[in-house]
Full PDB file with SEQRES, HELIX, SHEET, SSBOND, CRYST1, ORIGX, SCALE, CONECT and MASTER records, all heavy atoms in Angstrom:
SEQRES   1 A   35  ARG ARG GLU ALA GLU VAL LEU PHE ARG ASP LEU ARG SER          
SEQRES   2 A   35  ASP LEU ARG ALA SER PRO GLU ALA ARG GLU VAL ALA ARG          
SEQRES   3 A   35  LEU VAL LEU THR GLN LYS PRO GLN GLY                          
HELIX    1 AA1 ARG A    2  LEU A   11  1                                  10    
HELIX    2 AA2 ARG A   12  ASP A   14  5                                   3    
HELIX    3 AA3 PRO A   19  THR A   30  1                                  12    
CRYST1    1.000    1.000    1.000  90.00  90.00  90.00 P 1           1          
ORIGX1      1.000000  0.000000  0.000000        0.00000                         
ORIGX2      0.000000  1.000000  0.000000        0.00000                         
ORIGX3      0.000000  0.000000  1.000000        0.00000                         
SCALE1      1.000000  0.000000  0.000000        0.00000                         
SCALE2      0.000000  1.000000  0.000000        0.00000                         
SCALE3      0.000000  0.000000  1.000000        0.00000                         
ATOM      1  N   ARG A   1       7.620 -33.222   4.873  1.00  0.00           N  
ATOM      2  CA  ARG A   1       6.558 -32.213   4.928  1.00  0.00           C  
ATOM      3  C   ARG A   1       6.729 -31.262   6.113  1.00  0.00           C  
ATOM      4  O   ARG A   1       6.541 -30.051   5.976  1.00  0.00           O  
ATOM      5  CB  ARG A   1       5.192 -32.906   5.036  1.00  0.00           C  
ATOM      6  CG  ARG A   1       4.750 -33.639   3.777  1.00  0.00           C  
ATOM      7  CD  ARG A   1       3.551 -34.525   4.072  1.00  0.00           C  
ATOM      8  NE  ARG A   1       3.944 -35.603   4.970  1.00  0.00           N  
ATOM      9  CZ  ARG A   1       3.081 -36.355   5.656  1.00  0.00           C  
ATOM     10  NH1 ARG A   1       1.788 -36.124   5.574  1.00  0.00           N  
ATOM     11  NH2 ARG A   1       3.519 -37.331   6.434  1.00  0.00           N  
ATOM     12  N   ARG A   2       7.076 -31.800   7.270  1.00  0.00           N  
ATOM     13  CA  ARG A   2       7.212 -30.956   8.451  1.00  0.00           C  
ATOM     14  C   ARG A   2       8.315 -29.924   8.251  1.00  0.00           C  
ATOM     15  O   ARG A   2       8.122 -28.735   8.538  1.00  0.00           O  
ATOM     16  CB  ARG A   2       7.521 -31.817   9.682  1.00  0.00           C  
ATOM     17  CG  ARG A   2       7.577 -31.018  10.982  1.00  0.00           C  
ATOM     18  CD  ARG A   2       8.166 -31.845  12.111  1.00  0.00           C  
ATOM     19  NE  ARG A   2       9.556 -32.195  11.856  1.00  0.00           N  
ATOM     20  CZ  ARG A   2      10.579 -31.351  12.059  1.00  0.00           C  
ATOM     21  NH1 ARG A   2      10.365 -30.117  12.503  1.00  0.00           N  
ATOM     22  NH2 ARG A   2      11.808 -31.745  11.806  1.00  0.00           N  
ATOM     23  N   GLU A   3       9.466 -30.363   7.751  1.00  0.00           N  
ATOM     24  CA  GLU A   3      10.573 -29.428   7.520  1.00  0.00           C  
ATOM     25  C   GLU A   3      10.203 -28.396   6.460  1.00  0.00           C  
ATOM     26  O   GLU A   3      10.622 -27.238   6.551  1.00  0.00           O  
ATOM     27  CB  GLU A   3      11.827 -30.199   7.106  1.00  0.00           C  
ATOM     28  CG  GLU A   3      12.442 -31.017   8.224  1.00  0.00           C  
ATOM     29  CD  GLU A   3      13.756 -31.664   7.811  1.00  0.00           C  
ATOM     30  OE1 GLU A   3      14.248 -31.387   6.697  1.00  0.00           O  
ATOM     31  OE2 GLU A   3      14.306 -32.435   8.622  1.00  0.00           O  
ATOM     32  N   ALA A   4       9.422 -28.807   5.468  1.00  0.00           N  
ATOM     33  CA  ALA A   4       9.004 -27.863   4.423  1.00  0.00           C  
ATOM     34  C   ALA A   4       8.110 -26.775   5.012  1.00  0.00           C  
ATOM     35  O   ALA A   4       8.253 -25.590   4.680  1.00  0.00           O  
ATOM     36  CB  ALA A   4       8.276 -28.606   3.308  1.00  0.00           C  
ATOM     37  N   GLU A   5       7.206 -27.157   5.895  1.00  0.00           N  
ATOM     38  CA  GLU A   5       6.318 -26.179   6.532  1.00  0.00           C  
ATOM     39  C   GLU A   5       7.107 -25.213   7.408  1.00  0.00           C  
ATOM     40  O   GLU A   5       6.868 -23.995   7.388  1.00  0.00           O  
ATOM     41  CB  GLU A   5       5.261 -26.907   7.365  1.00  0.00           C  
ATOM     42  CG  GLU A   5       4.252 -27.692   6.534  1.00  0.00           C  
ATOM     43  CD  GLU A   5       3.341 -28.536   7.401  1.00  0.00           C  
ATOM     44  OE1 GLU A   5       3.463 -28.459   8.644  1.00  0.00           O  
ATOM     45  OE2 GLU A   5       2.495 -29.264   6.839  1.00  0.00           O  
ATOM     46  N   VAL A   6       8.048 -25.753   8.168  1.00  0.00           N  
ATOM     47  CA  VAL A   6       8.863 -24.914   9.060  1.00  0.00           C  
ATOM     48  C   VAL A   6       9.711 -23.940   8.239  1.00  0.00           C  
ATOM     49  O   VAL A   6       9.786 -22.744   8.554  1.00  0.00           O  
ATOM     50  CB  VAL A   6       9.755 -25.792   9.960  1.00  0.00           C  
ATOM     51  CG1 VAL A   6      10.767 -24.924  10.710  1.00  0.00           C  
ATOM     52  CG2 VAL A   6       8.910 -26.580  10.942  1.00  0.00           C  
ATOM     53  N   LEU A   7      10.341 -24.435   7.187  1.00  0.00           N  
ATOM     54  CA  LEU A   7      11.199 -23.582   6.367  1.00  0.00           C  
ATOM     55  C   LEU A   7      10.381 -22.516   5.649  1.00  0.00           C  
ATOM     56  O   LEU A   7      10.809 -21.358   5.545  1.00  0.00           O  
ATOM     57  CB  LEU A   7      11.965 -24.430   5.350  1.00  0.00           C  
ATOM     58  CG  LEU A   7      12.960 -23.685   4.453  1.00  0.00           C  
ATOM     59  CD1 LEU A   7      14.006 -22.959   5.287  1.00  0.00           C  
ATOM     60  CD2 LEU A   7      13.619 -24.642   3.475  1.00  0.00           C  
ATOM     61  N   PHE A   8       9.206 -22.894   5.149  1.00  0.00           N  
ATOM     62  CA  PHE A   8       8.344 -21.941   4.472  1.00  0.00           C  
ATOM     63  C   PHE A   8       7.995 -20.789   5.415  1.00  0.00           C  
ATOM     64  O   PHE A   8       8.061 -19.618   5.030  1.00  0.00           O  
ATOM     65  CB  PHE A   8       7.067 -22.646   3.996  1.00  0.00           C  
ATOM     66  CG  PHE A   8       6.251 -21.860   3.010  1.00  0.00           C  
ATOM     67  CD1 PHE A   8       6.401 -22.064   1.641  1.00  0.00           C  
ATOM     68  CD2 PHE A   8       5.328 -20.925   3.435  1.00  0.00           C  
ATOM     69  CE1 PHE A   8       5.654 -21.345   0.722  1.00  0.00           C  
ATOM     70  CE2 PHE A   8       4.570 -20.201   2.522  1.00  0.00           C  
ATOM     71  CZ  PHE A   8       4.736 -20.419   1.170  1.00  0.00           C  
ATOM     72  N   ARG A   9       7.656 -21.115   6.657  1.00  0.00           N  
ATOM     73  CA  ARG A   9       7.310 -20.072   7.642  1.00  0.00           C  
ATOM     74  C   ARG A   9       8.527 -19.209   7.962  1.00  0.00           C  
ATOM     75  O   ARG A   9       8.430 -17.988   8.088  1.00  0.00           O  
ATOM     76  CB  ARG A   9       6.760 -20.700   8.919  1.00  0.00           C  
ATOM     77  CG  ARG A   9       5.363 -21.285   8.791  1.00  0.00           C  
ATOM     78  CD  ARG A   9       4.739 -21.499  10.167  1.00  0.00           C  
ATOM     79  NE  ARG A   9       5.544 -22.385  11.001  1.00  0.00           N  
ATOM     80  CZ  ARG A   9       5.372 -23.705  11.051  1.00  0.00           C  
ATOM     81  NH1 ARG A   9       4.447 -24.281  10.308  1.00  0.00           N  
ATOM     82  NH2 ARG A   9       6.134 -24.443  11.848  1.00  0.00           N  
ATOM     83  N   ASP A  10       9.697 -19.855   8.100  1.00  0.00           N  
ATOM     84  CA  ASP A  10      10.912 -19.123   8.445  1.00  0.00           C  
ATOM     85  C   ASP A  10      11.311 -18.140   7.342  1.00  0.00           C  
ATOM     86  O   ASP A  10      11.642 -16.978   7.606  1.00  0.00           O  
ATOM     87  CB  ASP A  10      12.051 -20.110   8.704  1.00  0.00           C  
ATOM     88  CG  ASP A  10      13.370 -19.406   8.997  1.00  0.00           C  
ATOM     89  OD1 ASP A  10      13.374 -18.494   9.847  1.00  0.00           O  
ATOM     90  OD2 ASP A  10      14.382 -19.746   8.365  1.00  0.00           O  
ATOM     91  N   LEU A  11      11.271 -18.605   6.093  1.00  0.00           N  
ATOM     92  CA  LEU A  11      11.700 -17.764   4.976  1.00  0.00           C  
ATOM     93  C   LEU A  11      10.683 -16.691   4.616  1.00  0.00           C  
ATOM     94  O   LEU A  11      11.004 -15.756   3.881  1.00  0.00           O  
ATOM     95  CB  LEU A  11      11.984 -18.640   3.755  1.00  0.00           C  
ATOM     96  CG  LEU A  11      13.160 -19.610   3.890  1.00  0.00           C  
ATOM     97  CD1 LEU A  11      13.309 -20.463   2.637  1.00  0.00           C  
ATOM     98  CD2 LEU A  11      14.458 -18.851   4.163  1.00  0.00           C  
ATOM     99  N   ARG A  12       9.478 -16.813   5.125  1.00  0.00           N  
ATOM    100  CA  ARG A  12       8.456 -15.799   4.838  1.00  0.00           C  
ATOM    101  C   ARG A  12       8.915 -14.413   5.290  1.00  0.00           C  
ATOM    102  O   ARG A  12       8.548 -13.406   4.693  1.00  0.00           O  
ATOM    103  CB  ARG A  12       7.144 -16.190   5.533  1.00  0.00           C  
ATOM    104  CG  ARG A  12       6.015 -15.196   5.309  1.00  0.00           C  
ATOM    105  CD  ARG A  12       4.718 -15.665   5.954  1.00  0.00           C  
ATOM    106  NE  ARG A  12       3.744 -14.596   6.031  1.00  0.00           N  
ATOM    107  CZ  ARG A  12       2.527 -14.722   6.545  1.00  0.00           C  
ATOM    108  NH1 ARG A  12       2.142 -15.897   7.027  1.00  0.00           N  
ATOM    109  NH2 ARG A  12       1.692 -13.689   6.594  1.00  0.00           N  
ATOM    110  N   SER A  13       9.757 -14.364   6.334  1.00  0.00           N  
ATOM    111  CA  SER A  13      10.238 -13.070   6.827  1.00  0.00           C  
ATOM    112  C   SER A  13      11.124 -12.363   5.817  1.00  0.00           C  
ATOM    113  O   SER A  13      11.367 -11.154   5.934  1.00  0.00           O  
ATOM    114  CB  SER A  13      11.003 -13.262   8.143  1.00  0.00           C  
ATOM    115  OG  SER A  13      12.148 -14.082   7.939  1.00  0.00           O  
ATOM    116  N   ASP A  14      11.642 -13.088   4.807  1.00  0.00           N  
ATOM    117  CA  ASP A  14      12.503 -12.486   3.784  1.00  0.00           C  
ATOM    118  C   ASP A  14      11.700 -11.834   2.664  1.00  0.00           C  
ATOM    119  O   ASP A  14      12.271 -11.117   1.826  1.00  0.00           O  
ATOM    120  CB  ASP A  14      13.405 -13.553   3.147  1.00  0.00           C  
ATOM    121  CG  ASP A  14      14.409 -14.138   4.117  1.00  0.00           C  
ATOM    122  OD1 ASP A  14      14.479 -13.650   5.271  1.00  0.00           O  
ATOM    123  OD2 ASP A  14      15.128 -15.079   3.740  1.00  0.00           O  
ATOM    124  N   LEU A  15      10.392 -12.082   2.605  1.00  0.00           N  
ATOM    125  CA  LEU A  15       9.575 -11.648   1.476  1.00  0.00           C  
ATOM    126  C   LEU A  15       9.131 -10.205   1.618  1.00  0.00           C  
ATOM    127  O   LEU A  15       8.977  -9.681   2.714  1.00  0.00           O  
ATOM    128  CB  LEU A  15       8.356 -12.566   1.341  1.00  0.00           C  
ATOM    129  CG  LEU A  15       8.640 -14.075   1.334  1.00  0.00           C  
ATOM    130  CD1 LEU A  15       7.348 -14.852   1.090  1.00  0.00           C  
ATOM    131  CD2 LEU A  15       9.689 -14.426   0.289  1.00  0.00           C  
ATOM    132  N   ARG A  16       8.917  -9.571   0.464  1.00  0.00           N  
ATOM    133  CA  ARG A  16       8.472  -8.184   0.433  1.00  0.00           C  
ATOM    134  C   ARG A  16       7.456  -7.981  -0.697  1.00  0.00           C  
ATOM    135  O   ARG A  16       7.631  -8.504  -1.805  1.00  0.00           O  
ATOM    136  CB  ARG A  16       9.663  -7.236   0.200  1.00  0.00           C  
ATOM    137  CG  ARG A  16      10.741  -7.278   1.264  1.00  0.00           C  
ATOM    138  CD  ARG A  16      10.277  -6.656   2.571  1.00  0.00           C  
ATOM    139  NE  ARG A  16      11.347  -6.657   3.574  1.00  0.00           N  
ATOM    140  CZ  ARG A  16      11.586  -7.662   4.419  1.00  0.00           C  
ATOM    141  NH1 ARG A  16      10.835  -8.755   4.366  1.00  0.00           N  
ATOM    142  NH2 ARG A  16      12.567  -7.583   5.304  1.00  0.00           N  
ATOM    143  N   ALA A  17       6.444  -7.190  -0.407  1.00  0.00           N  
ATOM    144  CA  ALA A  17       5.501  -6.787  -1.452  1.00  0.00           C  
ATOM    145  C   ALA A  17       6.090  -5.593  -2.192  1.00  0.00           C  
ATOM    146  O   ALA A  17       6.778  -4.759  -1.593  1.00  0.00           O  
ATOM    147  CB  ALA A  17       4.153  -6.411  -0.841  1.00  0.00           C  
ATOM    148  N   SER A  18       5.864  -5.513  -3.499  1.00  0.00           N  
ATOM    149  CA  SER A  18       6.390  -4.396  -4.280  1.00  0.00           C  
ATOM    150  C   SER A  18       5.618  -4.261  -5.581  1.00  0.00           C  
ATOM    151  O   SER A  18       5.017  -5.236  -6.060  1.00  0.00           O  
ATOM    152  CB  SER A  18       7.877  -4.608  -4.593  1.00  0.00           C  
ATOM    153  OG  SER A  18       8.036  -5.691  -5.509  1.00  0.00           O  
ATOM    154  N   PRO A  19       5.620  -3.061  -6.173  1.00  0.00           N  
ATOM    155  CA  PRO A  19       4.972  -2.894  -7.476  1.00  0.00           C  
ATOM    156  C   PRO A  19       5.586  -3.808  -8.536  1.00  0.00           C  
ATOM    157  O   PRO A  19       4.886  -4.296  -9.422  1.00  0.00           O  
ATOM    158  CB  PRO A  19       5.222  -1.421  -7.807  1.00  0.00           C  
ATOM    159  CG  PRO A  19       5.433  -0.754  -6.483  1.00  0.00           C  
ATOM    160  CD  PRO A  19       6.133  -1.774  -5.646  1.00  0.00           C  
ATOM    161  N   GLU A  20       6.904  -4.028  -8.429  1.00  0.00           N  
ATOM    162  CA  GLU A  20       7.580  -4.875  -9.417  1.00  0.00           C  
ATOM    163  C   GLU A  20       7.108  -6.327  -9.309  1.00  0.00           C  
ATOM    164  O   GLU A  20       6.899  -7.001 -10.323  1.00  0.00           O  
ATOM    165  CB  GLU A  20       9.090  -4.804  -9.221  1.00  0.00           C  
ATOM    166  CG  GLU A  20       9.715  -3.455  -9.552  1.00  0.00           C  
ATOM    167  CD  GLU A  20       9.519  -2.425  -8.456  1.00  0.00           C  
ATOM    168  OE1 GLU A  20       9.097  -2.796  -7.333  1.00  0.00           O  
ATOM    169  OE2 GLU A  20       9.783  -1.236  -8.711  1.00  0.00           O  
ATOM    170  N   ALA A  21       6.934  -6.805  -8.075  1.00  0.00           N  
ATOM    171  CA  ALA A  21       6.451  -8.181  -7.883  1.00  0.00           C  
ATOM    172  C   ALA A  21       5.044  -8.324  -8.450  1.00  0.00           C  
ATOM    173  O   ALA A  21       4.706  -9.336  -9.079  1.00  0.00           O  
ATOM    174  CB  ALA A  21       6.462  -8.545  -6.407  1.00  0.00           C  
ATOM    175  N   ARG A  22       4.227  -7.298  -8.266  1.00  0.00           N  
ATOM    176  CA  ARG A  22       2.857  -7.347  -8.790  1.00  0.00           C  
ATOM    177  C   ARG A  22       2.862  -7.304 -10.318  1.00  0.00           C  
ATOM    178  O   ARG A  22       2.035  -7.945 -10.965  1.00  0.00           O  
ATOM    179  CB  ARG A  22       2.041  -6.190  -8.224  1.00  0.00           C  
ATOM    180  CG  ARG A  22       1.808  -6.292  -6.731  1.00  0.00           C  
ATOM    181  CD  ARG A  22       0.863  -5.232  -6.206  1.00  0.00           C  
ATOM    182  NE  ARG A  22       0.604  -5.422  -4.786  1.00  0.00           N  
ATOM    183  CZ  ARG A  22      -0.424  -4.875  -4.124  1.00  0.00           C  
ATOM    184  NH1 ARG A  22      -1.290  -4.105  -4.779  1.00  0.00           N  
ATOM    185  NH2 ARG A  22      -0.591  -5.096  -2.830  1.00  0.00           N  
ATOM    186  N   GLU A  23       3.813  -6.562 -10.885  1.00  0.00           N  
ATOM    187  CA  GLU A  23       3.903  -6.509 -12.348  1.00  0.00           C  
ATOM    188  C   GLU A  23       4.262  -7.878 -12.916  1.00  0.00           C  
ATOM    189  O   GLU A  23       3.653  -8.344 -13.887  1.00  0.00           O  
ATOM    190  CB  GLU A  23       4.963  -5.491 -12.781  1.00  0.00           C  
ATOM    191  CG  GLU A  23       5.132  -5.439 -14.304  1.00  0.00           C  
ATOM    192  CD  GLU A  23       6.466  -4.866 -14.750  1.00  0.00           C  
ATOM    193  OE1 GLU A  23       7.298  -4.528 -13.886  1.00  0.00           O  
ATOM    194  OE2 GLU A  23       6.682  -4.787 -15.980  1.00  0.00           O  
ATOM    195  N   VAL A  24       5.253  -8.536 -12.303  1.00  0.00           N  
ATOM    196  CA  VAL A  24       5.650  -9.856 -12.782  1.00  0.00           C  
ATOM    197  C   VAL A  24       4.503 -10.845 -12.617  1.00  0.00           C  
ATOM    198  O   VAL A  24       4.251 -11.674 -13.498  1.00  0.00           O  
ATOM    199  CB  VAL A  24       6.904 -10.355 -12.046  1.00  0.00           C  
ATOM    200  CG1 VAL A  24       7.234 -11.776 -12.484  1.00  0.00           C  
ATOM    201  CG2 VAL A  24       8.087  -9.441 -12.321  1.00  0.00           C  
ATOM    202  N   ALA A  25       3.782 -10.744 -11.492  1.00  0.00           N  
ATOM    203  CA  ALA A  25       2.638 -11.631 -11.275  1.00  0.00           C  
ATOM    204  C   ALA A  25       1.599 -11.447 -12.373  1.00  0.00           C  
ATOM    205  O   ALA A  25       1.044 -12.424 -12.898  1.00  0.00           O  
ATOM    206  CB  ALA A  25       2.015 -11.352  -9.906  1.00  0.00           C  
ATOM    207  N   ARG A  26       1.357 -10.206 -12.747  1.00  0.00           N  
ATOM    208  CA  ARG A  26       0.384  -9.941 -13.813  1.00  0.00           C  
ATOM    209  C   ARG A  26       0.855 -10.547 -15.134  1.00  0.00           C  
ATOM    210  O   ARG A  26       0.073 -11.153 -15.861  1.00  0.00           O  
ATOM    211  CB  ARG A  26       0.189  -8.425 -13.972  1.00  0.00           C  
ATOM    212  CG  ARG A  26      -0.805  -8.046 -15.073  1.00  0.00           C  
ATOM    213  CD  ARG A  26      -0.893  -6.535 -15.213  1.00  0.00           C  
ATOM    214  NE  ARG A  26       0.397  -5.946 -15.574  1.00  0.00           N  
ATOM    215  CZ  ARG A  26       0.897  -5.946 -16.803  1.00  0.00           C  
ATOM    216  NH1 ARG A  26       0.227  -6.529 -17.802  1.00  0.00           N  
ATOM    217  NH2 ARG A  26       2.056  -5.382 -17.052  1.00  0.00           N  
ATOM    218  N   LEU A  27       2.141 -10.404 -15.422  1.00  0.00           N  
ATOM    219  CA  LEU A  27       2.674 -10.962 -16.662  1.00  0.00           C  
ATOM    220  C   LEU A  27       2.596 -12.490 -16.666  1.00  0.00           C  
ATOM    221  O   LEU A  27       2.272 -13.101 -17.690  1.00  0.00           O  
ATOM    222  CB  LEU A  27       4.127 -10.516 -16.850  1.00  0.00           C  
ATOM    223  CG  LEU A  27       4.337  -9.036 -17.189  1.00  0.00           C  
ATOM    224  CD1 LEU A  27       5.818  -8.695 -17.159  1.00  0.00           C  
ATOM    225  CD2 LEU A  27       3.755  -8.708 -18.551  1.00  0.00           C  
ATOM    226  N   VAL A  28       2.898 -13.102 -15.526  1.00  0.00           N  
ATOM    227  CA  VAL A  28       2.825 -14.559 -15.426  1.00  0.00           C  
ATOM    228  C   VAL A  28       1.394 -15.041 -15.671  1.00  0.00           C  
ATOM    229  O   VAL A  28       1.161 -16.035 -16.376  1.00  0.00           O  
ATOM    230  CB  VAL A  28       3.319 -15.035 -14.040  1.00  0.00           C  
ATOM    231  CG1 VAL A  28       2.982 -16.512 -13.822  1.00  0.00           C  
ATOM    232  CG2 VAL A  28       4.811 -14.811 -13.899  1.00  0.00           C  
ATOM    233  N   LEU A  29       0.430 -14.335 -15.115  1.00  0.00           N  
ATOM    234  CA  LEU A  29      -0.961 -14.771 -15.206  1.00  0.00           C  
ATOM    235  C   LEU A  29      -1.619 -14.420 -16.538  1.00  0.00           C  
ATOM    236  O   LEU A  29      -2.660 -14.991 -16.878  1.00  0.00           O  
ATOM    237  CB  LEU A  29      -1.773 -14.161 -14.054  1.00  0.00           C  
ATOM    238  CG  LEU A  29      -1.400 -14.678 -12.667  1.00  0.00           C  
ATOM    239  CD1 LEU A  29      -2.091 -13.863 -11.584  1.00  0.00           C  
ATOM    240  CD2 LEU A  29      -1.753 -16.154 -12.532  1.00  0.00           C  
ATOM    241  N   THR A  30      -1.034 -13.493 -17.285  1.00  0.00           N  
ATOM    242  CA  THR A  30      -1.640 -13.103 -18.569  1.00  0.00           C  
ATOM    243  C   THR A  30      -0.835 -13.570 -19.768  1.00  0.00           C  
ATOM    244  O   THR A  30      -1.222 -13.297 -20.909  1.00  0.00           O  
ATOM    245  CB  THR A  30      -1.797 -11.567 -18.651  1.00  0.00           C  
ATOM    246  OG1 THR A  30      -0.513 -10.939 -18.496  1.00  0.00           O  
ATOM    247  CG2 THR A  30      -2.747 -11.059 -17.586  1.00  0.00           C  
ATOM    248  N   GLN A  31       0.271 -14.273 -19.539  1.00  0.00           N  
ATOM    249  CA  GLN A  31       1.087 -14.743 -20.669  1.00  0.00           C  
ATOM    250  C   GLN A  31       0.279 -15.729 -21.505  1.00  0.00           C  
ATOM    251  O   GLN A  31      -0.583 -16.438 -20.991  1.00  0.00           O  
ATOM    252  CB  GLN A  31       2.369 -15.396 -20.162  1.00  0.00           C  
ATOM    253  CG  GLN A  31       2.152 -16.460 -19.124  1.00  0.00           C  
ATOM    254  CD  GLN A  31       2.683 -17.814 -19.507  1.00  0.00           C  
ATOM    255  OE1 GLN A  31       3.209 -17.988 -20.592  1.00  0.00           O  
ATOM    256  NE2 GLN A  31       2.539 -18.765 -18.629  1.00  0.00           N  
ATOM    257  N   LYS A  32       0.571 -15.764 -22.788  1.00  0.00           N  
ATOM    258  CA  LYS A  32      -0.141 -16.636 -23.724  1.00  0.00           C  
ATOM    259  C   LYS A  32       0.874 -17.508 -24.454  1.00  0.00           C  
ATOM    260  O   LYS A  32       1.375 -17.125 -25.513  1.00  0.00           O  
ATOM    261  CB  LYS A  32      -0.958 -15.805 -24.719  1.00  0.00           C  
ATOM    262  CG  LYS A  32      -2.054 -14.968 -24.056  1.00  0.00           C  
ATOM    263  CD  LYS A  32      -2.788 -14.131 -25.070  1.00  0.00           C  
ATOM    264  CE  LYS A  32      -3.956 -13.396 -24.435  1.00  0.00           C  
ATOM    265  NZ  LYS A  32      -3.531 -12.486 -23.361  1.00  0.00           N  
ATOM    266  N   PRO A  33       1.214 -18.669 -23.873  1.00  0.00           N  
ATOM    267  CA  PRO A  33       2.187 -19.551 -24.521  1.00  0.00           C  
ATOM    268  C   PRO A  33       1.756 -19.928 -25.925  1.00  0.00           C  
ATOM    269  O   PRO A  33       0.581 -20.210 -26.170  1.00  0.00           O  
ATOM    270  CB  PRO A  33       2.207 -20.786 -23.602  1.00  0.00           C  
ATOM    271  CG  PRO A  33       1.737 -20.290 -22.284  1.00  0.00           C  
ATOM    272  CD  PRO A  33       0.737 -19.217 -22.604  1.00  0.00           C  
ATOM    273  N   GLN A  34       2.712 -19.910 -26.842  1.00  0.00           N  
ATOM    274  CA  GLN A  34       2.431 -20.282 -28.223  1.00  0.00           C  
ATOM    275  C   GLN A  34       1.887 -21.702 -28.285  1.00  0.00           C  
ATOM    276  O   GLN A  34       2.462 -22.638 -27.745  1.00  0.00           O  
ATOM    277  CB  GLN A  34       3.709 -20.186 -29.053  1.00  0.00           C  
ATOM    278  CG  GLN A  34       3.518 -20.476 -30.529  1.00  0.00           C  
ATOM    279  CD  GLN A  34       4.828 -20.336 -31.292  1.00  0.00           C  
ATOM    280  OE1 GLN A  34       5.835 -19.902 -30.753  1.00  0.00           O  
ATOM    281  NE2 GLN A  34       4.811 -20.701 -32.556  1.00  0.00           N  
ATOM    282  N   GLY A  35       0.733 -21.858 -28.929  1.00  0.00           N  
ATOM    283  CA  GLY A  35       0.132 -23.176 -29.093  1.00  0.00           C  
ATOM    284  C   GLY A  35      -0.857 -23.546 -28.017  1.00  0.00           C  
ATOM    285  O   GLY A  35      -1.575 -24.533 -28.149  1.00  0.00           O  
TER     286      GLY A  35                                                      
MASTER        0    0    0    3    0    0    0    6  285    1    0    3          
END                                                                             
């Protein structure tokens, strides 16, 4: 757990907000799996 927390914080610097990321997020949250 400790290493996971440290790595999560470290890799956060690689992340970027973008319109494309928001579009994919919308698709993920509105998808309707068959069945």
